[in-house]
């Protein structure tokens, strides 16, 4: 049947996403996924899927505007992680971001929290995000990120 994937096909699906690392006053922004979605209740770096023809930065800018109603400056690439979920393999590229305008509004998230880097692992993060956090824990932010 056209359009229907078997379990084998789903496990081979590649999903490229961009996530934004907002760092402000010694804290990192975490976003909790809303109920009724894949990975519901898990925490993540805000962002979303990279569409055909988009760069990671372009996708992240678009997703932040759509999902949180903010405009952000997308800065340096930070890290990539890959995680194989039951619905496909996620390749997550993360970038440092700076808020520029707009009021934070939740559309696909349940909650936003600013956390000290040392507090990040107190939340239940989506598995693809965990290696990014582990790398953040090793970084020296004394000089800022830009």
N, C-alpha and C. Protein backbone atom coordinates (compact mmCIF):
# COMPACT_ATOMS: atom_id res chain seq x y z
N UNK A 1 0.84 -1.17 0.00
CA UNK A 1 0.00 0.00 0.00
C UNK A 1 0.90 1.25 0.00
N UNK A 2 0.67 2.18 -0.87
CA UNK A 2 1.51 3.38 -0.97
C UNK A 2 1.35 4.24 0.27
N UNK A 3 2.46 4.79 0.73
CA UNK A 3 2.44 5.70 1.86
C UNK A 3 2.48 5.03 3.22
N UNK A 4 2.42 3.71 3.26
CA UNK A 4 2.47 3.00 4.53
C UNK A 4 3.86 2.40 4.70
N UNK A 5 4.47 2.64 5.84
CA UNK A 5 5.82 2.14 6.08
C UNK A 5 5.76 0.92 6.99
N UNK A 6 6.58 -0.05 6.72
CA UNK A 6 6.70 -1.19 7.63
C UNK A 6 7.62 -0.80 8.77
N UNK A 7 7.68 -1.62 9.82
CA UNK A 7 8.58 -1.34 10.94
C UNK A 7 10.02 -1.23 10.47
N UNK A 8 10.41 -2.06 9.49
CA UNK A 8 11.79 -2.01 8.97
C UNK A 8 12.06 -0.67 8.29
N UNK A 9 11.09 -0.18 7.51
CA UNK A 9 11.28 1.10 6.82
C UNK A 9 11.41 2.25 7.81
N UNK A 10 10.60 2.24 8.87
CA UNK A 10 10.63 3.33 9.85
C UNK A 10 11.99 3.40 10.53
N UNK A 11 12.57 2.26 10.87
CA UNK A 11 13.85 2.27 11.57
C UNK A 11 14.98 2.84 10.69
N UNK A 12 14.78 2.86 9.39
CA UNK A 12 15.80 3.39 8.48
C UNK A 12 15.55 4.86 8.12
N UNK A 13 14.46 5.43 8.58
CA UNK A 13 14.13 6.81 8.27
C UNK A 13 15.12 7.75 8.95
N UNK A 14 15.68 8.70 8.20
CA UNK A 14 16.62 9.69 8.72
C UNK A 14 15.88 11.01 8.88
N UNK A 15 15.95 11.59 10.07
CA UNK A 15 15.28 12.85 10.36
C UNK A 15 16.35 13.84 10.81
N UNK A 16 16.61 14.85 10.00
CA UNK A 16 17.61 15.87 10.32
C UNK A 16 16.93 17.03 11.01
N UNK A 17 17.46 17.41 12.16
CA UNK A 17 16.88 18.50 12.94
C UNK A 17 17.98 19.46 13.41
N UNK A 18 17.56 20.69 13.70
CA UNK A 18 18.44 21.71 14.27
C UNK A 18 17.90 22.10 15.63
N UNK A 19 18.80 22.30 16.58
CA UNK A 19 18.42 22.74 17.91
C UNK A 19 19.20 23.97 18.31
N UNK A 20 18.53 24.86 19.01
CA UNK A 20 19.16 26.10 19.43
C UNK A 20 19.59 26.07 20.88
N UNK A 21 20.82 26.45 21.12
CA UNK A 21 21.34 26.56 22.49
C UNK A 21 21.37 28.04 22.84
N UNK A 22 20.38 28.45 23.62
CA UNK A 22 20.32 29.83 24.09
C UNK A 22 21.05 29.90 25.42
N UNK A 23 22.09 30.72 25.49
CA UNK A 23 22.88 30.87 26.72
C UNK A 23 22.78 32.32 27.14
N UNK A 24 22.30 32.53 28.36
CA UNK A 24 22.11 33.90 28.84
C UNK A 24 22.31 33.93 30.35
N UNK A 25 23.13 34.83 30.81
CA UNK A 25 23.38 35.02 32.25
C UNK A 25 23.73 33.70 32.95
N UNK A 26 24.54 32.88 32.29
CA UNK A 26 24.99 31.63 32.89
C UNK A 26 23.97 30.50 32.83
N UNK A 27 22.90 30.69 32.08
CA UNK A 27 21.86 29.66 32.01
C UNK A 27 21.57 29.28 30.56
N UNK A 28 21.05 28.05 30.41
CA UNK A 28 20.69 27.49 29.09
C UNK A 28 19.18 27.28 29.07
N UNK A 29 18.57 27.56 27.92
CA UNK A 29 17.12 27.38 27.76
C UNK A 29 16.80 25.92 27.42
N UNK A 30 15.85 25.36 28.16
CA UNK A 30 15.34 24.01 27.91
C UNK A 30 13.85 24.12 27.61
N UNK A 31 13.38 23.30 26.66
CA UNK A 31 11.97 23.31 26.27
C UNK A 31 11.39 21.91 26.45
N UNK A 32 10.24 21.83 27.11
CA UNK A 32 9.60 20.53 27.34
C UNK A 32 8.54 20.30 26.27
N UNK A 33 8.63 19.14 25.61
CA UNK A 33 7.68 18.79 24.56
C UNK A 33 6.30 18.55 25.16
N UNK A 34 5.28 18.99 24.45
CA UNK A 34 3.90 18.84 24.92
C UNK A 34 3.42 17.41 24.77
N UNK A 35 2.37 17.09 25.48
CA UNK A 35 1.73 15.77 25.39
C UNK A 35 1.17 15.56 24.00
N UNK A 36 1.04 14.29 23.61
CA UNK A 36 0.44 13.96 22.32
C UNK A 36 1.39 14.05 21.14
N UNK A 37 2.66 14.25 21.37
CA UNK A 37 3.66 14.35 20.31
C UNK A 37 4.71 13.26 20.53
N UNK A 38 5.50 12.97 19.49
CA UNK A 38 6.64 12.08 19.69
C UNK A 38 7.50 12.67 20.81
N UNK A 39 8.01 11.82 21.67
CA UNK A 39 8.87 12.22 22.78
C UNK A 39 8.18 13.21 23.73
N UNK A 40 6.87 13.03 23.90
CA UNK A 40 6.09 13.89 24.80
C UNK A 40 6.71 13.92 26.19
N UNK A 41 6.70 15.09 26.79
CA UNK A 41 7.19 15.35 28.14
C UNK A 41 8.72 15.40 28.26
N UNK A 42 9.44 14.96 27.24
CA UNK A 42 10.90 15.05 27.27
C UNK A 42 11.32 16.50 27.06
N UNK A 43 12.50 16.84 27.54
CA UNK A 43 13.07 18.17 27.36
C UNK A 43 14.01 18.13 26.16
N UNK A 44 14.16 19.28 25.52
CA UNK A 44 14.99 19.38 24.33
C UNK A 44 15.48 20.80 24.16
N UNK A 45 16.44 20.95 23.23
CA UNK A 45 16.81 22.28 22.78
C UNK A 45 15.78 22.66 21.73
N UNK A 46 15.19 23.87 21.81
CA UNK A 46 14.15 24.23 20.85
C UNK A 46 14.69 24.23 19.42
N UNK A 47 13.83 23.90 18.49
CA UNK A 47 14.20 23.83 17.08
C UNK A 47 13.26 22.91 16.35
N UNK A 48 13.74 22.26 15.30
CA UNK A 48 12.87 21.35 14.56
C UNK A 48 13.52 20.81 13.31
N UNK A 49 12.68 20.20 12.50
CA UNK A 49 13.15 19.50 11.30
C UNK A 49 13.73 20.44 10.26
N UNK A 50 14.76 19.96 9.61
CA UNK A 50 15.36 20.67 8.48
C UNK A 50 14.64 20.22 7.23
N UNK A 51 14.01 21.15 6.54
CA UNK A 51 13.27 20.84 5.31
C UNK A 51 14.23 20.78 4.12
N UNK A 52 13.76 20.14 3.06
CA UNK A 52 14.56 20.03 1.83
C UNK A 52 14.97 21.43 1.36
N UNK A 53 16.25 21.59 1.03
CA UNK A 53 16.75 22.86 0.52
C UNK A 53 17.15 23.85 1.60
N UNK A 54 16.94 23.53 2.87
CA UNK A 54 17.32 24.44 3.96
C UNK A 54 18.66 24.02 4.56
N UNK A 55 19.38 25.01 5.04
CA UNK A 55 20.56 24.71 5.85
C UNK A 55 20.08 24.52 7.28
N UNK A 56 20.94 24.01 8.13
CA UNK A 56 20.59 23.86 9.54
C UNK A 56 20.25 25.18 10.19
N UNK A 57 21.01 26.22 9.85
CA UNK A 57 20.75 27.55 10.42
C UNK A 57 19.41 28.11 9.94
N UNK A 58 19.13 27.96 8.65
CA UNK A 58 17.86 28.46 8.10
C UNK A 58 16.67 27.75 8.77
N UNK A 59 16.78 26.45 8.92
CA UNK A 59 15.70 25.68 9.54
C UNK A 59 15.50 26.11 10.99
N UNK A 60 16.58 26.30 11.71
CA UNK A 60 16.48 26.70 13.10
C UNK A 60 15.83 28.07 13.23
N UNK A 61 16.22 29.01 12.41
CA UNK A 61 15.61 30.35 12.44
C UNK A 61 14.10 30.24 12.20
N UNK A 62 13.71 29.47 11.17
CA UNK A 62 12.29 29.30 10.83
C UNK A 62 11.53 28.62 11.96
N UNK A 63 12.09 27.54 12.49
CA UNK A 63 11.41 26.78 13.54
C UNK A 63 11.23 27.61 14.81
N UNK A 64 12.22 28.38 15.20
CA UNK A 64 12.10 29.22 16.39
C UNK A 64 11.00 30.26 16.21
N UNK A 65 10.90 30.79 15.01
CA UNK A 65 9.86 31.78 14.73
C UNK A 65 8.48 31.13 14.75
N UNK A 66 8.36 29.94 14.14
CA UNK A 66 7.06 29.25 14.09
C UNK A 66 6.64 28.72 15.46
N UNK A 67 7.56 28.10 16.17
CA UNK A 67 7.20 27.39 17.40
C UNK A 67 7.22 28.25 18.66
N UNK A 68 8.07 29.27 18.70
CA UNK A 68 8.19 30.09 19.91
C UNK A 68 7.92 31.57 19.68
N UNK A 69 7.67 31.95 18.42
CA UNK A 69 7.38 33.34 18.07
C UNK A 69 8.52 34.30 18.39
N UNK A 70 9.76 33.81 18.28
CA UNK A 70 10.91 34.67 18.51
C UNK A 70 11.82 34.68 17.29
N UNK A 71 12.53 35.79 17.15
CA UNK A 71 13.57 35.86 16.14
C UNK A 71 14.89 35.77 16.88
N UNK A 72 15.77 34.97 16.32
CA UNK A 72 17.05 34.73 16.98
C UNK A 72 18.18 34.87 15.99
N UNK A 73 19.32 35.27 16.51
CA UNK A 73 20.55 35.23 15.72
C UNK A 73 21.11 33.83 15.89
N UNK A 74 21.31 33.16 14.77
CA UNK A 74 21.86 31.80 14.82
C UNK A 74 23.37 31.92 14.68
N UNK A 75 24.06 31.51 15.72
CA UNK A 75 25.51 31.67 15.78
C UNK A 75 26.26 30.42 15.36
N UNK A 76 27.35 30.17 16.05
CA UNK A 76 28.26 29.08 15.71
C UNK A 76 27.65 27.70 15.92
N UNK A 77 28.03 26.80 15.03
CA UNK A 77 27.69 25.39 15.20
C UNK A 77 28.36 24.91 16.48
N UNK A 78 27.64 24.11 17.28
CA UNK A 78 28.24 23.59 18.51
C UNK A 78 28.57 22.10 18.41
N UNK A 79 27.57 21.28 18.14
CA UNK A 79 27.82 19.84 18.12
C UNK A 79 26.69 19.11 17.39
N UNK A 80 27.00 17.88 17.00
CA UNK A 80 26.03 17.00 16.35
C UNK A 80 25.89 15.72 17.17
N UNK A 81 24.68 15.21 17.24
CA UNK A 81 24.48 13.88 17.83
C UNK A 81 23.52 13.11 16.93
N UNK A 82 23.62 11.80 17.03
CA UNK A 82 22.76 10.91 16.26
C UNK A 82 22.16 9.90 17.23
N UNK A 83 20.84 9.70 17.12
CA UNK A 83 20.18 8.73 17.99
C UNK A 83 19.11 7.98 17.20
N UNK A 84 19.09 6.68 17.35
CA UNK A 84 18.12 5.84 16.64
C UNK A 84 16.92 5.57 17.54
N UNK A 85 15.82 6.21 17.20
CA UNK A 85 14.55 6.01 17.90
C UNK A 85 13.74 4.94 17.17
N UNK A 86 12.61 4.54 17.74
CA UNK A 86 11.74 3.57 17.09
C UNK A 86 11.12 4.15 15.81
N UNK A 87 10.96 5.47 15.73
CA UNK A 87 10.33 6.11 14.57
C UNK A 87 11.34 6.56 13.52
N UNK A 88 12.64 6.39 13.77
CA UNK A 88 13.68 6.77 12.81
C UNK A 88 14.92 7.27 13.51
N UNK A 89 15.94 7.54 12.74
CA UNK A 89 17.20 8.03 13.27
C UNK A 89 17.24 9.55 13.17
N UNK A 90 17.44 10.18 14.31
CA UNK A 90 17.51 11.64 14.36
C UNK A 90 18.98 12.06 14.35
N UNK A 91 19.29 12.98 13.44
CA UNK A 91 20.60 13.63 13.41
C UNK A 91 20.35 15.06 13.86
N UNK A 92 20.86 15.39 15.03
CA UNK A 92 20.63 16.70 15.65
C UNK A 92 21.88 17.56 15.54
N UNK A 93 21.75 18.69 14.86
CA UNK A 93 22.82 19.69 14.79
C UNK A 93 22.41 20.84 15.71
N UNK A 94 23.32 21.26 16.58
CA UNK A 94 22.99 22.35 17.49
C UNK A 94 23.87 23.57 17.21
N UNK A 95 23.27 24.72 17.45
CA UNK A 95 23.91 26.01 17.21
C UNK A 95 23.66 26.91 18.42
N UNK A 96 24.65 27.73 18.75
CA UNK A 96 24.42 28.75 19.76
C UNK A 96 23.51 29.81 19.15
N UNK A 97 22.60 30.32 19.97
CA UNK A 97 21.63 31.31 19.50
C UNK A 97 21.53 32.46 20.49
N UNK A 98 21.12 33.61 19.98
CA UNK A 98 20.85 34.77 20.82
C UNK A 98 19.47 35.31 20.46
N UNK A 99 18.64 35.53 21.47
CA UNK A 99 17.31 36.09 21.26
C UNK A 99 17.46 37.51 20.74
N UNK A 100 16.66 37.87 19.74
CA UNK A 100 16.70 39.22 19.18
C UNK A 100 15.38 39.97 19.36
N UNK A 101 14.24 39.29 19.17
CA UNK A 101 12.95 39.96 19.33
C UNK A 101 11.84 38.92 19.45
N UNK A 102 10.70 39.40 19.92
CA UNK A 102 9.52 38.55 20.06
C UNK A 102 9.34 38.09 21.49
N UNK A 103 8.10 37.77 21.81
CA UNK A 103 7.76 37.24 23.13
C UNK A 103 7.69 35.72 23.03
N UNK A 104 8.30 35.04 23.97
CA UNK A 104 8.31 33.58 23.97
C UNK A 104 6.88 33.08 24.13
N UNK A 105 6.39 32.33 23.15
CA UNK A 105 5.04 31.74 23.20
C UNK A 105 5.14 30.26 22.91
N UNK A 106 4.43 29.46 23.69
CA UNK A 106 4.48 28.02 23.54
C UNK A 106 3.41 27.53 22.57
N UNK A 107 3.85 26.80 21.53
CA UNK A 107 2.92 26.18 20.57
C UNK A 107 3.06 24.67 20.56
N UNK A 108 4.27 24.18 20.56
CA UNK A 108 4.51 22.73 20.54
C UNK A 108 5.22 22.28 21.82
N UNK A 109 5.43 23.21 22.72
CA UNK A 109 6.09 22.90 23.98
C UNK A 109 5.13 23.18 25.13
N UNK A 110 5.39 22.50 26.22
CA UNK A 110 4.58 22.63 27.43
C UNK A 110 5.16 23.68 28.37
N UNK A 111 6.50 23.77 28.40
CA UNK A 111 7.17 24.65 29.34
C UNK A 111 8.56 25.01 28.84
N UNK A 112 9.03 26.19 29.23
CA UNK A 112 10.41 26.62 29.01
C UNK A 112 11.04 26.87 30.36
N UNK A 113 12.32 26.51 30.49
CA UNK A 113 13.07 26.79 31.73
C UNK A 113 14.48 27.23 31.38
N UNK A 114 14.97 28.22 32.13
CA UNK A 114 16.38 28.60 32.07
C UNK A 114 17.08 27.90 33.21
N UNK A 115 18.10 27.11 32.89
CA UNK A 115 18.80 26.31 33.90
C UNK A 115 20.30 26.56 33.85
N UNK A 116 20.92 26.56 35.02
CA UNK A 116 22.38 26.58 35.07
C UNK A 116 22.87 25.32 34.37
N UNK A 117 24.01 25.40 33.74
CA UNK A 117 24.55 24.25 33.01
C UNK A 117 24.66 23.04 33.93
N UNK A 118 25.03 23.26 35.18
CA UNK A 118 25.16 22.16 36.13
C UNK A 118 23.82 21.51 36.47
N UNK A 119 22.71 22.17 36.17
CA UNK A 119 21.37 21.64 36.46
C UNK A 119 20.74 20.91 35.27
N UNK A 120 21.35 20.98 34.11
CA UNK A 120 20.72 20.45 32.90
C UNK A 120 20.33 18.98 33.04
N UNK A 121 21.19 18.18 33.60
CA UNK A 121 20.90 16.74 33.67
C UNK A 121 19.89 16.37 34.76
N UNK A 122 19.31 17.37 35.42
CA UNK A 122 18.25 17.09 36.39
C UNK A 122 16.92 16.85 35.68
N UNK A 123 16.84 17.18 34.39
CA UNK A 123 15.62 16.98 33.60
C UNK A 123 15.73 15.71 32.77
N UNK A 124 14.59 15.20 32.32
CA UNK A 124 14.58 14.03 31.44
C UNK A 124 14.62 14.53 29.99
N UNK A 125 15.81 14.48 29.41
CA UNK A 125 16.04 15.00 28.06
C UNK A 125 15.77 13.93 27.01
N UNK A 126 15.38 14.36 25.82
CA UNK A 126 15.29 13.45 24.68
C UNK A 126 16.68 12.85 24.48
N UNK A 127 16.77 11.56 24.20
CA UNK A 127 18.08 10.91 24.10
C UNK A 127 19.06 11.57 23.12
N UNK A 128 18.57 12.12 22.01
CA UNK A 128 19.48 12.77 21.06
C UNK A 128 20.13 14.01 21.64
N UNK A 129 19.49 14.63 22.63
CA UNK A 129 20.02 15.86 23.22
C UNK A 129 21.07 15.60 24.30
N UNK A 130 21.07 14.42 24.89
CA UNK A 130 21.97 14.11 26.01
C UNK A 130 23.45 14.27 25.66
N UNK A 131 23.93 13.76 24.51
CA UNK A 131 25.35 13.98 24.20
C UNK A 131 25.72 15.46 24.06
N UNK A 132 24.77 16.28 23.62
CA UNK A 132 25.01 17.72 23.50
C UNK A 132 25.20 18.31 24.90
N UNK A 133 24.37 17.90 25.84
CA UNK A 133 24.48 18.39 27.21
C UNK A 133 25.81 17.94 27.82
N UNK A 134 26.18 16.70 27.58
CA UNK A 134 27.45 16.21 28.11
C UNK A 134 28.62 17.03 27.59
N UNK A 135 28.55 17.45 26.33
CA UNK A 135 29.60 18.31 25.78
C UNK A 135 29.54 19.71 26.39
N UNK A 136 28.32 20.24 26.59
CA UNK A 136 28.17 21.55 27.22
C UNK A 136 28.81 21.56 28.62
N UNK A 137 28.66 20.46 29.34
CA UNK A 137 29.21 20.37 30.69
C UNK A 137 30.73 20.48 30.71
N UNK A 138 31.37 20.22 29.58
CA UNK A 138 32.83 20.28 29.49
C UNK A 138 33.34 21.62 28.98
N UNK A 139 32.43 22.50 28.56
CA UNK A 139 32.82 23.77 27.97
C UNK A 139 33.13 24.83 29.02
N UNK A 140 33.99 25.75 28.66
CA UNK A 140 34.32 26.91 29.50
C UNK A 140 33.59 28.11 28.91
N UNK A 141 32.57 28.60 29.62
CA UNK A 141 31.77 29.71 29.13
C UNK A 141 32.21 31.05 29.73
N UNK A 142 33.36 31.09 30.36
CA UNK A 142 33.81 32.32 31.02
C UNK A 142 33.99 33.48 30.05
N UNK A 143 34.29 33.20 28.80
CA UNK A 143 34.49 34.26 27.80
C UNK A 143 33.22 34.51 26.99
N UNK A 144 32.12 33.85 27.32
CA UNK A 144 30.89 34.01 26.54
C UNK A 144 30.89 33.02 25.39
N UNK A 145 29.86 33.14 24.51
CA UNK A 145 29.76 32.19 23.40
C UNK A 145 29.92 32.84 22.04
N UNK A 146 29.89 34.15 21.96
CA UNK A 146 30.02 34.81 20.66
C UNK A 146 31.36 35.48 20.56
